């Protein structure tokens, strides 16, 4: 009798957890759909551009909410991932290395050293979500980091035309150089290695869905803008 009660309790908890995840999936899809519509309508676009930093924070907040292992290693990953991603952008803006010659507009919010703080958050979101896709499927850290980095680079290929159109950043002579994608690949690989090597539970029930919506959002905007 006790075993049956325990089994039923676990089943109820499992169903409750699944329903909870579905609710957040619906919330994520609604926010991205509303954003897609807003960015697609010229008269509404400026208002939705101003909301971009808050949308990034929302994404990051949801990821952190579903992350369960808040140990010292995870905090190191947050610090290292933000610092390396943000630091590479500061170096890129001021020296042209490793991405090329570019500068940021005002859309992404508060800036330090001429780089929006949200860019560091963006690096964390992409590294976390792409790394999460491979964390159980591939045991070799170097291979997993390489594949996740390659995926990040391909995502950047999708993001770049939209970001330029929406004034997130601008490129010298309006040409996106090959160095940008190679730089993304290199920096992403370094951060992905930290993600793999640091010892924390990398399961996250919502990250794949958030990444899917993010990619779909920018892919669709490529055809609209």
N, C-alpha and C. Protein backbone atom coordinates (compact mmCIF):
# COMPACT_ATOMS: atom_id res chain seq x y z
N UNK A 1 0.84 -1.22 0.00
CA UNK A 1 0.00 0.00 0.00
C UNK A 1 0.87 1.26 0.00
N UNK A 2 1.91 1.24 0.85
CA UNK A 2 2.81 2.37 0.94
C UNK A 2 3.55 2.60 -0.38
N UNK A 3 3.96 1.50 -1.02
CA UNK A 3 4.65 1.60 -2.30
C UNK A 3 3.75 2.20 -3.37
N UNK A 4 2.46 1.81 -3.35
CA UNK A 4 1.51 2.35 -4.32
C UNK A 4 1.31 3.85 -4.12
N UNK A 5 1.21 4.26 -2.84
CA UNK A 5 1.04 5.68 -2.53
C UNK A 5 2.26 6.49 -3.00
N UNK A 6 3.44 5.91 -2.75
CA UNK A 6 4.67 6.57 -3.19
C UNK A 6 4.72 6.70 -4.69
N UNK A 7 4.33 5.62 -5.38
CA UNK A 7 4.31 5.63 -6.84
C UNK A 7 3.33 6.67 -7.37
N UNK A 8 2.15 6.73 -6.75
CA UNK A 8 1.14 7.71 -7.18
C UNK A 8 1.61 9.14 -6.94
N UNK A 9 2.28 9.33 -5.81
CA UNK A 9 2.79 10.66 -5.48
C UNK A 9 3.83 11.12 -6.50
N UNK A 10 4.73 10.22 -6.87
CA UNK A 10 5.75 10.54 -7.86
C UNK A 10 5.12 10.84 -9.22
N UNK A 11 4.07 10.09 -9.56
CA UNK A 11 3.39 10.30 -10.83
C UNK A 11 2.73 11.67 -10.87
N UNK A 12 2.12 12.05 -9.75
CA UNK A 12 1.47 13.36 -9.65
C UNK A 12 2.51 14.47 -9.77
N UNK A 13 3.66 14.29 -9.09
CA UNK A 13 4.72 15.28 -9.15
C UNK A 13 5.28 15.41 -10.56
N UNK A 14 5.42 14.27 -11.24
CA UNK A 14 5.93 14.29 -12.61
C UNK A 14 4.98 15.03 -13.54
N UNK A 15 3.68 14.73 -13.42
CA UNK A 15 2.67 15.40 -14.25
C UNK A 15 2.62 16.89 -13.97
N UNK A 16 2.74 17.23 -12.69
CA UNK A 16 2.72 18.64 -12.30
C UNK A 16 3.92 19.38 -12.88
N UNK A 17 5.09 18.72 -12.85
CA UNK A 17 6.29 19.32 -13.41
C UNK A 17 6.17 19.52 -14.91
N UNK A 18 5.61 18.53 -15.61
CA UNK A 18 5.43 18.63 -17.05
C UNK A 18 4.46 19.75 -17.42
N UNK A 19 3.40 19.89 -16.64
CA UNK A 19 2.44 20.97 -16.88
C UNK A 19 3.09 22.34 -16.65
N UNK A 20 3.93 22.40 -15.64
CA UNK A 20 4.64 23.63 -15.31
C UNK A 20 5.55 24.04 -16.47
N UNK A 21 6.26 23.07 -17.03
CA UNK A 21 7.14 23.33 -18.16
C UNK A 21 6.34 23.81 -19.37
N UNK A 22 5.19 23.18 -19.61
CA UNK A 22 4.35 23.57 -20.74
C UNK A 22 3.86 25.01 -20.60
N UNK A 23 3.55 25.41 -19.38
CA UNK A 23 3.10 26.78 -19.15
C UNK A 23 4.20 27.77 -19.54
N UNK A 24 5.44 27.47 -19.15
CA UNK A 24 6.55 28.36 -19.50
C UNK A 24 6.84 28.32 -21.00
N UNK A 25 6.65 27.17 -21.61
CA UNK A 25 6.83 27.09 -23.06
C UNK A 25 5.82 27.98 -23.78
N UNK A 26 4.59 27.99 -23.29
CA UNK A 26 3.57 28.85 -23.88
C UNK A 26 3.94 30.33 -23.70
N UNK A 27 4.43 30.67 -22.50
CA UNK A 27 4.84 32.05 -22.22
C UNK A 27 5.96 32.48 -23.16
N UNK A 28 6.96 31.61 -23.33
CA UNK A 28 8.08 31.91 -24.22
C UNK A 28 7.60 32.13 -25.65
N UNK A 29 6.74 31.24 -26.12
CA UNK A 29 6.24 31.35 -27.50
C UNK A 29 5.43 32.63 -27.70
N UNK A 30 4.64 33.00 -26.70
CA UNK A 30 3.84 34.23 -26.79
C UNK A 30 4.74 35.45 -26.90
N UNK A 31 5.77 35.51 -26.05
CA UNK A 31 6.67 36.65 -26.07
C UNK A 31 7.40 36.76 -27.41
N UNK A 32 7.85 35.63 -27.93
CA UNK A 32 8.56 35.67 -29.22
C UNK A 32 7.61 36.00 -30.37
N UNK A 33 6.39 35.49 -30.31
CA UNK A 33 5.42 35.79 -31.37
C UNK A 33 5.03 37.26 -31.36
N UNK A 34 4.79 37.79 -30.16
CA UNK A 34 4.47 39.22 -30.05
C UNK A 34 5.64 40.06 -30.55
N UNK A 35 6.87 39.66 -30.17
CA UNK A 35 8.06 40.37 -30.63
C UNK A 35 8.20 40.31 -32.13
N UNK A 36 7.90 39.16 -32.71
CA UNK A 36 7.98 38.99 -34.16
C UNK A 36 7.00 39.92 -34.87
N UNK A 37 5.79 39.97 -34.36
CA UNK A 37 4.78 40.86 -34.96
C UNK A 37 5.19 42.32 -34.81
N UNK A 38 5.65 42.68 -33.61
CA UNK A 38 6.04 44.07 -33.35
C UNK A 38 7.21 44.53 -34.21
N UNK A 39 8.21 43.65 -34.37
CA UNK A 39 9.36 44.00 -35.20
C UNK A 39 9.01 44.05 -36.68
N UNK A 40 7.95 43.37 -37.07
CA UNK A 40 7.56 43.30 -38.47
C UNK A 40 6.75 44.50 -38.92
N UNK A 41 6.20 45.26 -37.98
CA UNK A 41 5.37 46.42 -38.31
C UNK A 41 6.18 47.69 -38.11
N UNK A 42 6.51 48.41 -39.16
CA UNK A 42 7.41 49.58 -39.05
C UNK A 42 7.00 50.59 -38.00
N UNK A 43 5.70 50.85 -37.86
CA UNK A 43 5.25 51.86 -36.90
C UNK A 43 5.44 51.42 -35.45
N UNK A 44 5.46 50.10 -35.22
CA UNK A 44 5.64 49.56 -33.87
C UNK A 44 7.09 49.21 -33.57
N UNK A 45 7.89 49.08 -34.60
CA UNK A 45 9.26 48.57 -34.44
C UNK A 45 10.10 49.33 -33.42
N UNK A 46 10.07 50.69 -33.43
CA UNK A 46 10.91 51.41 -32.46
C UNK A 46 10.60 51.04 -31.01
N UNK A 47 9.33 50.82 -30.71
CA UNK A 47 8.95 50.47 -29.33
C UNK A 47 9.46 49.08 -28.97
N UNK A 48 9.39 48.15 -29.90
CA UNK A 48 9.86 46.80 -29.62
C UNK A 48 11.38 46.73 -29.60
N UNK A 49 12.03 47.60 -30.35
CA UNK A 49 13.49 47.69 -30.27
C UNK A 49 13.93 48.10 -28.87
N UNK A 50 13.19 49.04 -28.27
CA UNK A 50 13.52 49.48 -26.92
C UNK A 50 13.32 48.37 -25.89
N UNK A 51 12.45 47.40 -26.19
CA UNK A 51 12.18 46.31 -25.26
C UNK A 51 13.19 45.17 -25.38
N UNK A 52 14.08 45.23 -26.36
CA UNK A 52 15.01 44.13 -26.61
C UNK A 52 15.86 43.77 -25.38
N UNK A 53 16.46 44.73 -24.65
CA UNK A 53 17.24 44.35 -23.47
C UNK A 53 16.42 43.61 -22.42
N UNK A 54 15.17 44.02 -22.24
CA UNK A 54 14.31 43.37 -21.25
C UNK A 54 13.93 41.96 -21.70
N UNK A 55 13.82 41.78 -23.01
CA UNK A 55 13.52 40.46 -23.55
C UNK A 55 14.70 39.51 -23.31
N UNK A 56 15.92 40.01 -23.48
CA UNK A 56 17.10 39.21 -23.19
C UNK A 56 17.16 38.83 -21.72
N UNK A 57 16.86 39.79 -20.86
CA UNK A 57 16.85 39.51 -19.42
C UNK A 57 15.79 38.48 -19.06
N UNK A 58 14.64 38.55 -19.71
CA UNK A 58 13.58 37.57 -19.47
C UNK A 58 14.05 36.17 -19.86
N UNK A 59 14.67 36.05 -21.02
CA UNK A 59 15.20 34.76 -21.46
C UNK A 59 16.20 34.21 -20.44
N UNK A 60 17.11 35.07 -20.03
CA UNK A 60 18.14 34.65 -19.07
C UNK A 60 17.52 34.25 -17.73
N UNK A 61 16.54 35.03 -17.30
CA UNK A 61 15.86 34.73 -16.05
C UNK A 61 15.15 33.38 -16.07
N UNK A 62 14.52 33.07 -17.18
CA UNK A 62 13.83 31.77 -17.31
C UNK A 62 14.84 30.64 -17.29
N UNK A 63 15.96 30.80 -17.98
CA UNK A 63 17.01 29.77 -17.96
C UNK A 63 17.50 29.54 -16.53
N UNK A 64 17.78 30.61 -15.82
CA UNK A 64 18.26 30.48 -14.45
C UNK A 64 17.21 29.86 -13.53
N UNK A 65 15.96 30.16 -13.78
CA UNK A 65 14.88 29.62 -12.95
C UNK A 65 14.82 28.10 -13.06
N UNK A 66 15.07 27.59 -14.28
CA UNK A 66 15.01 26.14 -14.49
C UNK A 66 16.35 25.45 -14.24
N UNK A 67 17.38 26.23 -13.96
CA UNK A 67 18.66 25.63 -13.59
C UNK A 67 18.62 25.25 -12.11
N UNK A 68 19.00 24.01 -11.80
CA UNK A 68 18.81 23.50 -10.45
C UNK A 68 20.08 23.40 -9.62
N UNK A 69 21.23 23.43 -10.26
CA UNK A 69 22.47 23.17 -9.53
C UNK A 69 23.28 24.45 -9.36
N UNK A 70 22.95 25.21 -8.31
CA UNK A 70 23.61 26.48 -8.08
C UNK A 70 24.83 26.29 -7.19
N UNK A 71 25.82 25.56 -7.71
CA UNK A 71 27.03 25.36 -6.94
C UNK A 71 28.11 26.36 -7.35
N UNK A 72 29.28 26.23 -6.74
CA UNK A 72 30.37 27.17 -6.98
C UNK A 72 30.83 27.13 -8.45
N UNK A 73 30.85 25.93 -9.02
CA UNK A 73 31.29 25.78 -10.41
C UNK A 73 30.37 26.51 -11.38
N UNK A 74 29.06 26.47 -11.10
CA UNK A 74 28.12 27.16 -11.98
C UNK A 74 28.32 28.68 -11.90
N UNK A 75 28.57 29.18 -10.72
CA UNK A 75 28.81 30.62 -10.56
C UNK A 75 30.10 31.03 -11.29
N UNK A 76 31.10 30.14 -11.27
CA UNK A 76 32.32 30.42 -12.03
C UNK A 76 32.01 30.48 -13.52
N UNK A 77 31.18 29.54 -14.00
CA UNK A 77 30.80 29.57 -15.42
C UNK A 77 30.11 30.88 -15.78
N UNK A 78 29.20 31.33 -14.94
CA UNK A 78 28.50 32.59 -15.20
C UNK A 78 29.50 33.74 -15.30
N UNK A 79 30.44 33.79 -14.35
CA UNK A 79 31.42 34.87 -14.32
C UNK A 79 32.37 34.80 -15.52
N UNK A 80 32.87 33.60 -15.81
CA UNK A 80 33.81 33.43 -16.91
C UNK A 80 33.13 33.65 -18.26
N UNK A 81 31.93 33.06 -18.42
CA UNK A 81 31.20 33.20 -19.67
C UNK A 81 30.88 34.65 -19.98
N UNK A 82 30.41 35.38 -18.98
CA UNK A 82 30.10 36.79 -19.19
C UNK A 82 31.37 37.58 -19.49
N UNK A 83 32.41 37.35 -18.71
CA UNK A 83 33.65 38.13 -18.86
C UNK A 83 34.31 37.89 -20.21
N UNK A 84 34.41 36.63 -20.64
CA UNK A 84 35.05 36.33 -21.91
C UNK A 84 34.21 36.83 -23.09
N UNK A 85 32.89 36.61 -23.03
CA UNK A 85 32.03 37.09 -24.10
C UNK A 85 32.03 38.60 -24.19
N UNK A 86 31.84 39.25 -23.05
CA UNK A 86 31.79 40.71 -23.03
C UNK A 86 33.16 41.30 -23.35
N UNK A 87 34.20 40.71 -22.77
CA UNK A 87 35.55 41.21 -22.99
C UNK A 87 35.97 41.12 -24.45
N UNK A 88 35.58 40.04 -25.12
CA UNK A 88 35.91 39.90 -26.54
C UNK A 88 35.21 40.97 -27.37
N UNK A 89 33.99 41.35 -26.96
CA UNK A 89 33.26 42.40 -27.68
C UNK A 89 33.90 43.77 -27.46
N UNK A 90 34.34 44.03 -26.23
CA UNK A 90 35.02 45.30 -25.95
C UNK A 90 36.29 45.39 -26.79
N UNK A 91 37.06 44.30 -26.81
CA UNK A 91 38.27 44.28 -27.62
C UNK A 91 37.94 44.43 -29.10
N UNK A 92 36.84 43.78 -29.53
CA UNK A 92 36.45 43.87 -30.93
C UNK A 92 36.07 45.28 -31.35
N UNK A 93 35.31 45.95 -30.51
CA UNK A 93 34.88 47.32 -30.83
C UNK A 93 36.06 48.28 -30.90
N UNK A 94 37.05 48.09 -30.02
CA UNK A 94 38.15 49.06 -29.92
C UNK A 94 39.36 48.70 -30.78
N UNK A 95 39.48 47.45 -31.19
CA UNK A 95 40.67 47.06 -31.96
C UNK A 95 40.33 46.40 -33.30
N UNK A 96 39.10 45.92 -33.46
CA UNK A 96 38.74 45.19 -34.66
C UNK A 96 39.04 43.70 -34.57
N UNK A 97 39.69 43.27 -33.49
CA UNK A 97 40.00 41.86 -33.28
C UNK A 97 39.13 41.33 -32.13
N UNK A 98 38.50 40.17 -32.22
CA UNK A 98 38.66 39.17 -33.29
C UNK A 98 37.54 39.17 -34.34
N UNK A 99 36.61 40.11 -34.24
CA UNK A 99 35.42 40.02 -35.09
C UNK A 99 35.47 40.88 -36.34
N UNK A 100 36.17 42.00 -36.27
CA UNK A 100 36.17 42.96 -37.38
C UNK A 100 35.82 44.35 -36.86
N UNK A 101 35.63 45.29 -37.77
CA UNK A 101 35.36 46.68 -37.39
C UNK A 101 33.85 46.92 -37.31
N UNK A 102 33.36 47.19 -36.12
CA UNK A 102 31.93 47.40 -35.91
C UNK A 102 31.73 48.27 -34.68
N UNK A 103 30.50 48.71 -34.48
CA UNK A 103 30.14 49.48 -33.30
C UNK A 103 28.68 49.23 -32.98
N UNK A 104 28.32 49.48 -31.73
CA UNK A 104 26.97 49.22 -31.26
C UNK A 104 26.09 50.47 -31.30
N UNK A 105 24.81 50.26 -31.63
CA UNK A 105 23.82 51.33 -31.53
C UNK A 105 23.29 51.40 -30.11
N UNK A 106 22.21 52.14 -29.93
CA UNK A 106 21.64 52.35 -28.59
C UNK A 106 20.55 51.34 -28.24
N UNK A 107 20.18 50.47 -29.19
CA UNK A 107 19.01 49.61 -29.00
C UNK A 107 19.17 48.64 -27.83
N UNK A 108 20.38 48.13 -27.63
CA UNK A 108 20.58 47.08 -26.62
C UNK A 108 20.80 47.63 -25.21
N UNK A 109 20.65 48.91 -25.04
CA UNK A 109 20.63 49.47 -23.68
C UNK A 109 21.99 49.92 -23.16
N UNK A 110 22.10 49.93 -21.82
CA UNK A 110 23.26 50.51 -21.14
C UNK A 110 24.57 49.92 -21.64
N UNK A 111 25.56 50.83 -21.80
CA UNK A 111 26.85 50.41 -22.33
C UNK A 111 27.98 50.71 -21.35
N UNK A 112 28.97 49.86 -21.40
CA UNK A 112 30.22 50.07 -20.67
C UNK A 112 31.34 49.79 -21.65
N UNK A 113 32.26 50.75 -21.78
CA UNK A 113 33.34 50.65 -22.79
C UNK A 113 32.76 50.51 -24.20
N UNK A 114 31.61 51.18 -24.42
CA UNK A 114 30.96 51.25 -25.73
C UNK A 114 30.34 49.90 -26.17
N UNK A 115 30.13 49.01 -25.22
CA UNK A 115 29.49 47.73 -25.50
C UNK A 115 28.32 47.53 -24.53
N UNK A 116 27.12 47.22 -25.03
CA UNK A 116 25.97 47.02 -24.14
C UNK A 116 26.21 45.85 -23.18
N UNK A 117 25.83 46.04 -21.93
CA UNK A 117 25.97 44.98 -20.94
C UNK A 117 25.18 43.73 -21.32
N UNK A 118 24.09 43.92 -22.06
CA UNK A 118 23.26 42.79 -22.47
C UNK A 118 23.98 41.83 -23.42
N UNK A 119 25.06 42.31 -24.03
CA UNK A 119 25.81 41.43 -24.92
C UNK A 119 26.45 40.29 -24.13
N UNK A 120 26.92 40.59 -22.94
CA UNK A 120 27.46 39.54 -22.08
C UNK A 120 26.39 38.52 -21.72
N UNK A 121 25.18 38.99 -21.46
CA UNK A 121 24.06 38.10 -21.17
C UNK A 121 23.72 37.27 -22.40
N UNK A 122 23.77 37.89 -23.58
CA UNK A 122 23.49 37.17 -24.81
C UNK A 122 24.47 36.02 -25.03
N UNK A 123 25.76 36.27 -24.75
CA UNK A 123 26.75 35.20 -24.86
C UNK A 123 26.41 34.05 -23.91
N UNK A 124 26.03 34.38 -22.69
CA UNK A 124 25.69 33.33 -21.71
C UNK A 124 24.50 32.51 -22.17
N UNK A 125 23.47 33.17 -22.68
CA UNK A 125 22.27 32.48 -23.14
C UNK A 125 22.61 31.49 -24.24
N UNK A 126 23.37 31.95 -25.24
CA UNK A 126 23.69 31.10 -26.39
C UNK A 126 24.62 29.95 -26.01
N UNK A 127 25.63 30.23 -25.19
CA UNK A 127 26.53 29.16 -24.75
C UNK A 127 25.78 28.13 -23.93
N UNK A 128 24.98 28.59 -23.01
CA UNK A 128 24.24 27.67 -22.14
C UNK A 128 23.28 26.79 -22.95
N UNK A 129 22.51 27.41 -23.83
CA UNK A 129 21.49 26.66 -24.58
C UNK A 129 22.10 25.70 -25.58
N UNK A 130 23.12 26.14 -26.32
CA UNK A 130 23.74 25.24 -27.29
C UNK A 130 24.54 24.14 -26.59
N UNK A 131 25.24 24.51 -25.53
CA UNK A 131 25.99 23.51 -24.78
C UNK A 131 25.07 22.46 -24.17
N UNK A 132 23.91 22.89 -23.74
CA UNK A 132 22.94 21.98 -23.13
C UNK A 132 22.46 20.91 -24.11
N UNK A 133 22.43 21.24 -25.40
CA UNK A 133 21.97 20.28 -26.40
C UNK A 133 22.88 19.07 -26.50
N UNK A 134 24.17 19.27 -26.21
CA UNK A 134 25.15 18.20 -26.40
C UNK A 134 25.65 17.58 -25.10
N UNK A 135 25.21 18.10 -23.96
CA UNK A 135 25.85 17.71 -22.70
C UNK A 135 25.66 16.24 -22.35
N UNK A 136 24.56 15.63 -22.79
CA UNK A 136 24.35 14.21 -22.53
C UNK A 136 24.61 13.34 -23.76
N UNK A 137 24.53 13.94 -24.92
CA UNK A 137 24.66 13.16 -26.17
C UNK A 137 26.11 12.85 -26.53
N UNK A 138 27.05 13.71 -26.12
CA UNK A 138 28.45 13.53 -26.49
C UNK A 138 29.30 13.57 -25.22
N UNK A 139 30.11 12.56 -25.02
CA UNK A 139 30.91 12.47 -23.81
C UNK A 139 32.24 13.21 -23.92
N UNK A 140 32.77 13.34 -25.14
CA UNK A 140 34.04 14.02 -25.34
C UNK A 140 33.85 15.53 -25.24
N UNK A 141 34.52 16.15 -24.27
CA UNK A 141 34.32 17.59 -24.02
C UNK A 141 34.74 18.45 -25.20
N UNK A 142 35.84 18.09 -25.84
CA UNK A 142 36.35 18.90 -26.96
C UNK A 142 35.43 18.82 -28.17
N UNK A 143 34.93 17.64 -28.45
CA UNK A 143 34.01 17.47 -29.57
C UNK A 143 32.70 18.20 -29.31
N UNK A 144 32.17 18.04 -28.09
CA UNK A 144 30.91 18.71 -27.74
C UNK A 144 31.06 20.23 -27.79
N UNK A 145 32.19 20.73 -27.28
CA UNK A 145 32.43 22.18 -27.32
C UNK A 145 32.55 22.66 -28.75
N UNK A 146 33.20 21.87 -29.61
CA UNK A 146 33.35 22.25 -31.00
C UNK A 146 32.02 22.30 -31.73
N UNK A 147 31.18 21.30 -31.51
CA UNK A 147 29.87 21.26 -32.18
C UNK A 147 28.96 22.38 -31.68
N UNK A 148 28.98 22.62 -30.37
CA UNK A 148 28.16 23.70 -29.81
C UNK A 148 28.63 25.06 -30.34
N UNK A 149 29.95 25.22 -30.47
CA UNK A 149 30.50 26.47 -31.00
C UNK A 149 30.12 26.67 -32.46
N UNK A 150 30.18 25.58 -33.22
CA UNK A 150 29.78 25.64 -34.63
C UNK A 150 28.31 26.03 -34.74
N UNK A 151 27.50 25.49 -33.87
CA UNK A 151 26.08 25.83 -33.87
C UNK A 151 25.88 27.32 -33.54
N UNK A 152 26.66 27.82 -32.58
CA UNK A 152 26.58 29.24 -32.24
C UNK A 152 26.96 30.11 -33.43
N UNK A 153 27.98 29.69 -34.17
CA UNK A 153 28.39 30.45 -35.34
C UNK A 153 27.28 30.47 -36.39
N UNK A 154 26.63 29.33 -36.60
CA UNK A 154 25.54 29.26 -37.58
C UNK A 154 24.35 30.12 -37.12
N UNK A 155 24.12 30.15 -35.82
CA UNK A 155 23.05 31.01 -35.30
C UNK A 155 23.41 32.47 -35.56
N UNK A 156 24.67 32.82 -35.40
CA UNK A 156 25.10 34.19 -35.67
C UNK A 156 24.90 34.56 -37.13
N UNK A 157 25.08 33.60 -38.03
CA UNK A 157 24.81 33.84 -39.45
C UNK A 157 23.37 34.29 -39.65
N UNK A 158 22.46 33.69 -38.89
CA UNK A 158 21.04 34.03 -38.98
C UNK A 158 20.76 35.37 -38.32
N UNK A 159 21.45 35.63 -37.20
CA UNK A 159 21.17 36.84 -36.42
C UNK A 159 21.71 38.10 -37.10
N UNK A 160 22.89 38.02 -37.69
CA UNK A 160 23.60 39.21 -38.17
C UNK A 160 22.77 40.14 -39.07
N UNK A 161 22.14 39.64 -40.14
CA UNK A 161 21.39 40.57 -41.02
C UNK A 161 20.26 41.29 -40.28
N UNK A 162 19.60 40.57 -39.39
CA UNK A 162 18.50 41.16 -38.63
C UNK A 162 19.03 42.20 -37.65
N UNK A 163 20.11 41.86 -36.96
CA UNK A 163 20.69 42.77 -35.96
C UNK A 163 21.13 44.08 -36.60
N UNK A 164 21.71 44.00 -37.78
CA UNK A 164 22.15 45.21 -38.48
C UNK A 164 20.94 46.06 -38.88
N UNK A 165 19.91 45.42 -39.40
CA UNK A 165 18.70 46.14 -39.81
C UNK A 165 18.03 46.82 -38.62
N UNK A 166 18.04 46.16 -37.48
CA UNK A 166 17.38 46.70 -36.28
C UNK A 166 18.28 47.61 -35.47
N UNK A 167 19.47 47.93 -36.00
CA UNK A 167 20.40 48.85 -35.36
C UNK A 167 20.94 48.34 -34.03
N UNK A 168 21.06 47.01 -33.90
CA UNK A 168 21.75 46.47 -32.72
C UNK A 168 23.22 46.85 -32.79
N UNK A 169 23.81 46.67 -33.97
CA UNK A 169 25.19 47.07 -34.24
C UNK A 169 25.35 47.34 -35.73
N UNK A 170 26.46 47.97 -36.09
CA UNK A 170 26.75 48.30 -37.48
C UNK A 170 28.17 47.86 -37.82
N UNK A 171 28.37 47.48 -39.10
CA UNK A 171 29.67 47.06 -39.59
C UNK A 171 30.28 48.13 -40.48
N UNK A 172 31.59 48.22 -40.46
CA UNK A 172 32.30 49.12 -41.34
C UNK A 172 31.97 48.78 -42.79
N UNK A 173 31.57 49.79 -43.55
CA UNK A 173 31.19 49.65 -44.96
C UNK A 173 29.97 48.74 -45.15
N UNK A 174 29.24 48.50 -44.07
CA UNK A 174 28.03 47.66 -44.10
C UNK A 174 28.30 46.26 -44.64
N UNK A 175 29.50 45.77 -44.42
CA UNK A 175 29.88 44.42 -44.86
C UNK A 175 30.21 43.57 -43.64
N UNK A 176 29.52 42.43 -43.50
CA UNK A 176 29.80 41.51 -42.40
C UNK A 176 31.00 40.65 -42.81
N UNK A 177 32.15 40.82 -42.14
CA UNK A 177 33.36 40.11 -42.59
C UNK A 177 33.39 38.65 -42.12
N UNK A 178 34.17 37.87 -42.82
CA UNK A 178 34.36 36.46 -42.44
C UNK A 178 34.98 36.36 -41.06
N UNK A 179 35.80 37.35 -40.70
CA UNK A 179 36.45 37.34 -39.39
C UNK A 179 35.43 37.34 -38.25
N UNK A 180 34.26 37.91 -38.49
CA UNK A 180 33.23 37.91 -37.45
C UNK A 180 32.83 36.49 -37.09
N UNK A 181 32.59 35.67 -38.08
CA UNK A 181 32.14 34.30 -37.82
C UNK A 181 33.26 33.43 -37.28
N UNK A 182 34.49 33.65 -37.76
CA UNK A 182 35.62 32.91 -37.22
C UNK A 182 35.90 33.32 -35.77
N UNK A 183 35.76 34.62 -35.51
CA UNK A 183 35.92 35.11 -34.14
C UNK A 183 34.88 34.54 -33.21
N UNK A 184 33.64 34.49 -33.69
CA UNK A 184 32.55 33.89 -32.90
C UNK A 184 32.87 32.43 -32.58
N UNK A 185 33.33 31.71 -33.57
CA UNK A 185 33.65 30.30 -33.40
C UNK A 185 34.73 30.11 -32.34
N UNK A 186 35.77 30.94 -32.40
CA UNK A 186 36.89 30.81 -31.48
C UNK A 186 36.50 31.17 -30.05
N UNK A 187 35.85 32.31 -29.87
CA UNK A 187 35.45 32.74 -28.53
C UNK A 187 34.42 31.77 -27.94
N UNK A 188 33.47 31.36 -28.76
CA UNK A 188 32.44 30.42 -28.30
C UNK A 188 33.08 29.11 -27.85
N UNK A 189 34.09 28.64 -28.59
CA UNK A 189 34.74 27.37 -28.24
C UNK A 189 35.41 27.45 -26.87
N UNK A 190 36.07 28.56 -26.59
CA UNK A 190 36.73 28.73 -25.29
C UNK A 190 35.70 28.69 -24.15
N UNK A 191 34.59 29.43 -24.33
CA UNK A 191 33.57 29.47 -23.27
C UNK A 191 32.88 28.11 -23.16
N UNK A 192 32.66 27.45 -24.29
CA UNK A 192 32.04 26.12 -24.26
C UNK A 192 32.90 25.11 -23.50
N UNK A 193 34.22 25.23 -23.61
CA UNK A 193 35.09 24.34 -22.85
C UNK A 193 34.92 24.55 -21.35
N UNK A 194 34.79 25.79 -20.94
CA UNK A 194 34.53 26.06 -19.52
C UNK A 194 33.19 25.44 -19.12
N UNK A 195 32.20 25.59 -19.98
CA UNK A 195 30.87 25.01 -19.70
C UNK A 195 30.98 23.50 -19.49
N UNK A 196 31.75 22.84 -20.33
CA UNK A 196 31.90 21.39 -20.26
C UNK A 196 32.75 20.95 -19.06
N UNK A 197 33.85 21.64 -18.83
CA UNK A 197 34.82 21.19 -17.82
C UNK A 197 34.37 21.48 -16.39
N UNK A 198 33.62 22.54 -16.20
CA UNK A 198 33.17 22.89 -14.85
C UNK A 198 32.08 21.92 -14.40
N UNK A 199 32.18 21.51 -13.16
CA UNK A 199 31.33 20.43 -12.65
C UNK A 199 30.04 20.96 -12.03
N UNK A 200 29.00 21.02 -12.85
CA UNK A 200 27.66 21.34 -12.33
C UNK A 200 26.63 20.61 -13.19
N UNK A 201 25.48 20.38 -12.62
CA UNK A 201 24.41 19.67 -13.33
C UNK A 201 23.89 20.55 -14.47
N UNK A 202 24.00 20.04 -15.69
CA UNK A 202 23.68 20.85 -16.85
C UNK A 202 22.29 20.59 -17.42
N UNK A 203 21.48 19.81 -16.73
CA UNK A 203 20.12 19.57 -17.21
C UNK A 203 19.28 20.83 -17.03
N UNK A 204 18.52 21.14 -18.07
CA UNK A 204 17.62 22.29 -18.01
C UNK A 204 16.43 21.98 -18.92
N UNK A 205 15.26 21.91 -18.34
CA UNK A 205 14.08 21.44 -19.06
C UNK A 205 13.57 22.41 -20.11
N UNK A 206 14.01 23.66 -20.04
CA UNK A 206 13.41 24.67 -20.92
C UNK A 206 14.39 25.22 -21.95
N UNK A 207 15.69 24.97 -21.80
CA UNK A 207 16.69 25.64 -22.63
C UNK A 207 16.54 25.33 -24.12
N UNK A 208 16.26 24.05 -24.46
CA UNK A 208 16.14 23.69 -25.88
C UNK A 208 14.97 24.42 -26.53
N UNK A 209 13.88 24.58 -25.77
CA UNK A 209 12.69 25.23 -26.32
C UNK A 209 12.93 26.72 -26.51
N UNK A 210 13.63 27.32 -25.56
CA UNK A 210 13.95 28.74 -25.68
C UNK A 210 14.86 28.96 -26.88
N UNK A 211 15.85 28.10 -27.06
CA UNK A 211 16.75 28.22 -28.20
C UNK A 211 16.02 28.05 -29.52
N UNK A 212 15.09 27.11 -29.58
CA UNK A 212 14.29 26.90 -30.79
C UNK A 212 13.51 28.16 -31.14
N UNK A 213 12.90 28.80 -30.16
CA UNK A 213 12.13 30.02 -30.41
C UNK A 213 13.04 31.17 -30.84
N UNK A 214 14.21 31.26 -30.24
CA UNK A 214 15.16 32.32 -30.60
C UNK A 214 15.60 32.17 -32.06
N UNK A 215 15.96 30.96 -32.45
CA UNK A 215 16.40 30.72 -33.84
C UNK A 215 15.26 30.99 -34.81
N UNK A 216 14.07 30.51 -34.49
CA UNK A 216 12.91 30.72 -35.35
C UNK A 216 12.60 32.20 -35.51
N UNK A 217 12.69 32.94 -34.42
CA UNK A 217 12.43 34.38 -34.42
C UNK A 217 13.32 35.10 -35.43
N UNK A 218 14.62 34.87 -35.36
CA UNK A 218 15.54 35.56 -36.26
C UNK A 218 15.46 35.02 -37.69
N UNK A 219 15.22 33.72 -37.82
CA UNK A 219 15.09 33.14 -39.16
C UNK A 219 13.91 33.75 -39.90
N UNK A 220 12.78 33.89 -39.23
CA UNK A 220 11.58 34.47 -39.86
C UNK A 220 11.81 35.94 -40.20
N UNK A 221 12.45 36.68 -39.27
CA UNK A 221 12.71 38.10 -39.52
C UNK A 221 13.61 38.33 -40.71
N UNK A 222 14.46 37.37 -41.01
CA UNK A 222 15.32 37.48 -42.20
C UNK A 222 14.49 37.60 -43.47
N UNK A 223 13.31 37.01 -43.47
CA UNK A 223 12.45 37.06 -44.65
C UNK A 223 11.49 38.25 -44.64
N UNK A 224 11.33 38.85 -43.47
CA UNK A 224 10.36 39.95 -43.32
C UNK A 224 11.00 41.32 -43.45
N UNK A 225 12.15 41.50 -42.78
CA UNK A 225 12.77 42.83 -42.75
C UNK A 225 13.52 43.15 -44.04
